PDB file of N, CA and C in Angstrom:
ATOM      1  N   MET A   1       0.933  -1.144   0.060  1.00  0.00           N
ATOM      2  CA  MET A   1      -0.061  -0.026   0.063  1.00  0.00           C
ATOM      3  C   MET A   1       0.938   1.277  -0.027  1.00  0.00           C
ATOM      4  N   ASP A   2       1.974   1.225   0.738  1.00  0.00           N
ATOM      5  CA  ASP A   2       3.011   2.441   0.960  1.00  0.00           C
ATOM      6  C   ASP A   2       3.415   2.737  -0.631  1.00  0.00           C
ATOM      7  N   GLU A   3       3.676   1.670  -1.366  1.00  0.00           N
ATOM      8  CA  GLU A   3       4.233   1.962  -2.786  1.00  0.00           C
ATOM      9  C   GLU A   3       3.088   2.589  -3.603  1.00  0.00           C
ATOM     10  N   HIS A   4       1.912   2.017  -3.345  1.00  0.00           N
ATOM     11  CA  HIS A   4       0.709   2.482  -4.325  1.00  0.00           C
ATOM     12  C   HIS A   4       0.458   3.945  -4.025  1.00  0.00           C
ATOM     13  N   LEU A   5       0.431   4.329  -2.754  1.00  0.00           N
ATOM     14  CA  LEU A   5       0.021   5.769  -2.409  1.00  0.00           C
ATOM     15  C   LEU A   5       1.120   6.688  -2.551  1.00  0.00           C
ATOM     16  N   GLY A   6       2.404   6.124  -2.465  1.00  0.00           N
ATOM     17  CA  GLY A   6       3.530   7.024  -2.393  1.00  0.00           C
ATOM     18  C   GLY A   6       4.102   7.624  -1.254  1.00  0.00           C
ATOM     19  N   TYR A   7       3.577   7.219  -0.105  1.00  0.00           N
ATOM     20  CA  TYR A   7       4.070   7.708   1.139  1.00  0.00           C
ATOM     21  C   TYR A   7       3.736   6.542   2.134  1.00  0.00           C
ATOM     22  N   GLY A   8       4.508   6.608   3.411  1.00  0.00           N
ATOM     23  CA  GLY A   8       4.386   5.629   4.389  1.00  0.00           C
ATOM     24  C   GLY A   8       3.209   5.755   5.217  1.00  0.00           C
ATOM     25  N   ARG A   9       2.943   4.769   6.174  1.00  0.00           N
ATOM     26  CA  ARG A   9       1.685   4.718   6.956  1.00  0.00           C
ATOM     27  C   ARG A   9       1.548   5.930   7.855  1.00  0.00           C
ATOM     28  N   SER A  10       2.621   6.395   8.403  1.00  0.00           N
ATOM     29  CA  SER A  10       2.519   7.530   9.355  1.00  0.00           C
ATOM     30  C   SER A  10       2.877   8.864   8.861  1.00  0.00           C
ATOM     31  N   GLU A  11       3.124   8.862   7.571  1.00  0.00           N
ATOM     32  CA  GLU A  11       3.544  10.134   6.884  1.00  0.00           C
ATOM     33  C   GLU A  11       2.332  10.922   6.325  1.00  0.00           C
ATOM     34  N   ARG A  12       2.384  12.179   6.366  1.00  0.00           N
ATOM     35  CA  ARG A  12       1.315  13.009   5.736  1.00  0.00           C
ATOM     36  C   ARG A  12       1.654  13.247   4.259  1.00  0.00           C
ATOM     37  N   SER A  13       0.688  13.473   3.496  1.00  0.00           N
ATOM     38  CA  SER A  13       0.717  13.655   2.150  1.00  0.00           C
ATOM     39  C   SER A  13      -0.389  14.713   1.581  1.00  0.00           C
ATOM     40  N   ASP A  14      -0.147  15.255   0.468  1.00  0.00           N
ATOM     41  CA  ASP A  14      -0.998  16.208  -0.127  1.00  0.00           C
ATOM     42  C   ASP A  14      -1.926  15.418  -1.156  1.00  0.00           C
ATOM     43  N   SER A  15      -1.778  14.043  -1.190  1.00  0.00           N
ATOM     44  CA  SER A  15      -2.605  13.207  -2.074  1.00  0.00           C
ATOM     45  C   SER A  15      -3.942  13.231  -1.593  1.00  0.00           C
ATOM     46  N   ASP A  16      -4.979  13.057  -2.598  1.00  0.00           N
ATOM     47  CA  ASP A  16      -6.349  12.991  -2.191  1.00  0.00           C
ATOM     48  C   ASP A  16      -6.778  11.506  -2.128  1.00  0.00           C
ATOM     49  N   ASP A  17      -5.974  10.656  -2.157  1.00  0.00           N
ATOM     50  CA  ASP A  17      -6.061   9.166  -1.955  1.00  0.00           C
ATOM     51  C   ASP A  17      -5.548   8.638  -0.632  1.00  0.00           C
ATOM     52  N   TYR A  18      -6.125   8.121   0.253  1.00  0.00           N
ATOM     53  CA  TYR A  18      -5.850   7.731   1.579  1.00  0.00           C
ATOM     54  C   TYR A  18      -6.031   6.149   1.904  1.00  0.00           C
ATOM     55  N   ARG A  19      -5.386   5.656   2.711  1.00  0.00           N
ATOM     56  CA  ARG A  19      -5.816   4.294   3.321  1.00  0.00           C
ATOM     57  C   ARG A  19      -7.142   4.348   3.765  1.00  0.00           C
ATOM     58  N   ASN A  20      -7.910   3.318   3.699  1.00  0.00           N
ATOM     59  CA  ASN A  20      -9.263   3.123   4.122  1.00  0.00           C
ATOM     60  C   ASN A  20      -9.619   1.859   4.892  1.00  0.00           C
ATOM     61  N   GLY A  21      -8.542   1.499   5.712  1.00  0.00           N
ATOM     62  CA  GLY A  21      -8.894   0.292   6.463  1.00  0.00           C
ATOM     63  C   GLY A  21      -8.644  -1.006   5.637  1.00  0.00           C
ATOM     64  N   TYR A  22      -9.409  -2.046   6.051  1.00  0.00           N
ATOM     65  CA  TYR A  22      -9.297  -3.263   5.471  1.00  0.00           C
ATOM     66  C   TYR A  22     -10.509  -3.842   5.169  1.00  0.00           C
ATOM     67  N   LYS A  23     -10.815  -4.658   4.177  1.00  0.00           N
ATOM     68  CA  LYS A  23     -12.111  -5.356   3.881  1.00  0.00           C
ATOM     69  C   LYS A  23     -11.861  -6.870   4.052  1.00  0.00           C
ATOM     70  N   PRO A  24     -12.788  -7.530   4.756  1.00  0.00           N
ATOM     71  CA  PRO A  24     -12.576  -8.942   4.975  1.00  0.00           C
ATOM     72  C   PRO A  24     -12.935  -9.654   3.751  1.00  0.00           C
ATOM     73  N   LYS A  25     -12.205 -10.850   3.490  1.00  0.00           N
ATOM     74  CA  LYS A  25     -12.450 -11.591   2.283  1.00  0.00           C
ATOM     75  C   LYS A  25     -12.342 -13.036   2.686  1.00  0.00           C
ATOM     76  N   ARG A  26     -13.137 -13.933   2.248  1.00  0.00           N
ATOM     77  CA  ARG A  26     -12.962 -15.385   2.397  1.00  0.00           C
ATOM     78  C   ARG A  26     -12.479 -15.989   1.207  1.00  0.00           C
ATOM     79  N   ILE A  27     -11.279 -16.764   1.316  1.00  0.00           N
ATOM     80  CA  ILE A  27     -10.769 -17.452   0.142  1.00  0.00           C
ATOM     81  C   ILE A  27     -10.701 -18.905   0.406  1.00  0.00           C
ATOM     82  N   ASN A  28     -10.503 -19.614  -0.732  1.00  0.00           N
ATOM     83  CA  ASN A  28     -10.455 -21.014  -0.669  1.00  0.00           C
ATOM     84  C   ASN A  28      -9.125 -21.549  -1.148  1.00  0.00           C
ATOM     85  N   SER A  29      -8.527 -22.430  -0.477  1.00  0.00           N
ATOM     86  CA  SER A  29      -7.253 -23.052  -0.935  1.00  0.00           C
ATOM     87  C   SER A  29      -7.453 -24.642  -0.936  1.00  0.00           C
ATOM     88  N   SER A  30      -6.333 -25.353  -1.230  1.00  0.00           N
ATOM     89  CA  SER A  30      -6.346 -26.865  -0.991  1.00  0.00           C
ATOM     90  C   SER A  30      -6.319 -27.215   0.425  1.00  0.00           C
ATOM     91  N   PHE A  31      -5.999 -26.271   1.358  1.00  0.00           N
ATOM     92  CA  PHE A  31      -6.064 -26.541   2.711  1.00  0.00           C
ATOM     93  C   PHE A  31      -7.483 -26.139   3.412  1.00  0.00           C
ATOM     94  N   GLY A  32      -8.340 -25.605   2.721  1.00  0.00           N
ATOM     95  CA  GLY A  32      -9.584 -25.229   3.231  1.00  0.00           C
ATOM     96  C   GLY A  32      -9.863 -23.683   3.058  1.00  0.00           C
ATOM     97  N   SER A  33     -11.051 -23.246   3.569  1.00  0.00           N
ATOM     98  CA  SER A  33     -11.180 -21.775   3.505  1.00  0.00           C
ATOM     99  C   SER A  33     -10.616 -21.146   4.659  1.00  0.00           C
ATOM    100  N   MET A  34     -10.430 -19.718   4.324  1.00  0.00           N
ATOM    101  CA  MET A  34      -9.803 -18.950   5.375  1.00  0.00           C
ATOM    102  C   MET A  34     -10.300 -17.496   5.095  1.00  0.00           C
ATOM    103  N   ASP A  35     -10.366 -16.749   6.202  1.00  0.00           N
ATOM    104  CA  ASP A  35     -10.631 -15.281   6.132  1.00  0.00           C
ATOM    105  C   ASP A  35      -9.466 -14.540   6.239  1.00  0.00           C
ATOM    106  N   ILE A  36      -9.304 -13.488   5.202  1.00  0.00           N
ATOM    107  CA  ILE A  36      -8.181 -12.520   5.287  1.00  0.00           C
ATOM    108  C   ILE A  36      -8.645 -11.203   5.216  1.00  0.00           C
ATOM    109  N   GLN A  37      -7.757 -10.149   5.589  1.00  0.00           N
ATOM    110  CA  GLN A  37      -8.081  -8.850   5.460  1.00  0.00           C
ATOM    111  C   GLN A  37      -7.217  -8.170   4.422  1.00  0.00           C
ATOM    112  N   VAL A  38      -7.964  -7.614   3.454  1.00  0.00           N
ATOM    113  CA  VAL A  38      -7.338  -6.932   2.301  1.00  0.00           C
ATOM    114  C   VAL A  38      -7.333  -5.391   2.487  1.00  0.00           C
ATOM    115  N   PRO A  39      -6.052  -4.813   2.437  1.00  0.00           N
ATOM    116  CA  PRO A  39      -6.162  -3.273   2.544  1.00  0.00           C
ATOM    117  C   PRO A  39      -6.891  -2.659   1.388  1.00  0.00           C
ATOM    118  N   GLN A  40      -7.522  -1.520   1.782  1.00  0.00           N
ATOM    119  CA  GLN A  40      -8.180  -0.716   0.660  1.00  0.00           C
ATOM    120  C   GLN A  40      -7.826   0.754   0.812  1.00  0.00           C
ATOM    121  N   ASP A  41      -8.061   1.503  -0.283  1.00  0.00           N
ATOM    122  CA  ASP A  41      -7.781   2.987  -0.254  1.00  0.00           C
ATOM    123  C   ASP A  41      -9.106   3.585  -0.645  1.00  0.00           C
ATOM    124  N   ARG A  42      -9.162   4.966  -0.570  1.00  0.00           N
ATOM    125  CA  ARG A  42     -10.439   5.677  -0.665  1.00  0.00           C
ATOM    126  C   ARG A  42     -10.957   5.560  -2.115  1.00  0.00           C
ATOM    127  N   LYS A  43     -10.012   5.719  -3.119  1.00  0.00           N
ATOM    128  CA  LYS A  43     -10.402   5.744  -4.510  1.00  0.00           C
ATOM    129  C   LYS A  43     -10.652   4.252  -5.071  1.00  0.00           C
ATOM    130  N   THR A  44     -10.277   3.316  -4.282  1.00  0.00           N
ATOM    131  CA  THR A  44     -10.357   1.877  -4.714  1.00  0.00           C
ATOM    132  C   THR A  44      -9.570   1.562  -5.951  1.00  0.00           C
ATOM    133  N   THR A  45      -8.353   2.212  -6.042  1.00  0.00           N
ATOM    134  CA  THR A  45      -7.515   2.036  -7.171  1.00  0.00           C
ATOM    135  C   THR A  45      -6.460   1.062  -6.817  1.00  0.00           C
ATOM    136  N   PHE A  46      -6.284   0.727  -5.530  1.00  0.00           N
ATOM    137  CA  PHE A  46      -5.171  -0.407  -5.114  1.00  0.00           C
ATOM    138  C   PHE A  46      -5.491  -1.746  -5.651  1.00  0.00           C
ATOM    139  N   GLU A  47      -4.555  -2.348  -6.285  1.00  0.00           N
ATOM    140  CA  GLU A  47      -4.704  -3.679  -6.830  1.00  0.00           C
ATOM    141  C   GLU A  47      -3.818  -4.628  -5.979  1.00  0.00           C
ATOM    142  N   PRO A  48      -4.416  -5.466  -5.211  1.00  0.00           N
ATOM    143  CA  PRO A  48      -3.610  -6.503  -4.415  1.00  0.00           C
ATOM    144  C   PRO A  48      -2.748  -7.405  -5.276  1.00  0.00           C
ATOM    145  N   GLN A  49      -1.613  -7.748  -4.768  1.00  0.00           N
ATOM    146  CA  GLN A  49      -0.735  -8.529  -5.706  1.00  0.00           C
ATOM    147  C   GLN A  49      -0.791  -9.949  -5.507  1.00  0.00           C
ATOM    148  N   VAL A  50      -1.104 -10.442  -4.268  1.00  0.00           N
ATOM    149  CA  VAL A  50      -1.091 -12.022  -4.184  1.00  0.00           C
ATOM    150  C   VAL A  50      -2.448 -12.574  -4.327  1.00  0.00           C
ATOM    151  N   VAL A  51      -3.512 -12.019  -3.748  1.00  0.00           N
ATOM    152  CA  VAL A  51      -4.804 -12.506  -3.876  1.00  0.00           C
ATOM    153  C   VAL A  51      -5.546 -11.244  -4.797  1.00  0.00           C
ATOM    154  N   LYS A  52      -5.743 -11.411  -5.985  1.00  0.00           N
ATOM    155  CA  LYS A  52      -6.298 -10.312  -6.902  1.00  0.00           C
ATOM    156  C   LYS A  52      -7.843 -10.050  -6.462  1.00  0.00           C
ATOM    157  N   LYS A  53      -8.315  -8.945  -6.890  1.00  0.00           N
ATOM    158  CA  LYS A  53      -9.728  -8.559  -6.699  1.00  0.00           C
ATOM    159  C   LYS A  53     -10.579  -9.573  -7.421  1.00  0.00           C
ATOM    160  N   ARG A  54     -11.616  -9.987  -6.727  1.00  0.00           N
ATOM    161  CA  ARG A  54     -12.645 -10.815  -7.266  1.00  0.00           C
ATOM    162  C   ARG A  54     -12.093 -12.434  -7.336  1.00  0.00           C
ATOM    163  N   GLN A  55     -10.922 -12.556  -6.740  1.00  0.00           N
ATOM    164  CA  GLN A  55     -10.395 -14.051  -6.771  1.00  0.00           C
ATOM    165  C   GLN A  55     -10.785 -14.588  -5.538  1.00  0.00           C
ATOM    166  N   LYS A  56     -11.436 -15.797  -5.543  1.00  0.00           N
ATOM    167  CA  LYS A  56     -11.839 -16.561  -4.384  1.00  0.00           C
ATOM    168  C   LYS A  56     -11.008 -17.737  -4.135  1.00  0.00           C
ATOM    169  N   ASP A  57     -10.624 -18.340  -5.282  1.00  0.00           N
ATOM    170  CA  ASP A  57      -9.772 -19.580  -5.044  1.00  0.00           C
ATOM    171  C   ASP A  57      -8.310 -19.441  -5.367  1.00  0.00           C
ATOM    172  N   ILE A  58      -7.467 -19.836  -4.393  1.00  0.00           N
ATOM    173  CA  ILE A  58      -6.083 -19.586  -4.438  1.00  0.00           C
ATOM    174  C   ILE A  58      -5.327 -20.859  -4.508  1.00  0.00           C
ATOM    175  N   SER A  59      -5.961 -22.061  -4.847  1.00  0.00           N
ATOM    176  CA  SER A  59      -5.391 -23.390  -5.006  1.00  0.00           C
ATOM    177  C   SER A  59      -4.057 -23.309  -5.742  1.00  0.00           C
ATOM    178  N   SER A  60      -3.978 -22.583  -6.898  1.00  0.00           N
ATOM    179  CA  SER A  60      -2.941 -22.528  -7.691  1.00  0.00           C
ATOM    180  C   SER A  60      -1.688 -21.871  -7.133  1.00  0.00           C
ATOM    181  N   ILE A  61      -1.905 -21.124  -6.059  1.00  0.00           N
ATOM    182  CA  ILE A  61      -0.810 -20.429  -5.359  1.00  0.00           C
ATOM    183  C   ILE A  61      -0.086 -21.526  -4.453  1.00  0.00           C
ATOM    184  N   ASP A  62      -0.818 -22.518  -3.930  1.00  0.00           N
ATOM    185  CA  ASP A  62      -0.169 -23.498  -3.008  1.00  0.00           C
ATOM    186  C   ASP A  62       0.893 -24.270  -3.825  1.00  0.00           C
ATOM    187  N   GLN A  63       0.698 -24.425  -5.133  1.00  0.00           N
ATOM    188  CA  GLN A  63       1.763 -25.160  -5.889  1.00  0.00           C
ATOM    189  C   GLN A  63       3.041 -24.303  -6.023  1.00  0.00           C
ATOM    190  N   LYS A  64       2.930 -22.989  -6.100  1.00  0.00           N
ATOM    191  CA  LYS A  64       4.078 -22.146  -6.215  1.00  0.00           C
ATOM    192  C   LYS A  64       4.902 -21.925  -5.021  1.00  0.00           C
ATOM    193  N   ILE A  65       4.373 -22.102  -3.866  1.00  0.00           N
ATOM    194  CA  ILE A  65       5.064 -21.848  -2.667  1.00  0.00           C
ATOM    195  C   ILE A  65       5.913 -23.187  -2.307  1.00  0.00           C
TER     196      ILE A  65
END
């Protein structure tokens, strides 16, 4: 999130896009389902890198680890 917004968590910025907490998400893997917290920003322009938006099944990630 720091890289996306261009400033650290406790730093001030003149940007109009700010952190906006986390959104709960339930994902499924070969080990079962689990709940995670995905960070979000005010403008919803942040793209998560590991578990993408609208992705629910991460079974293919298990093979890469």
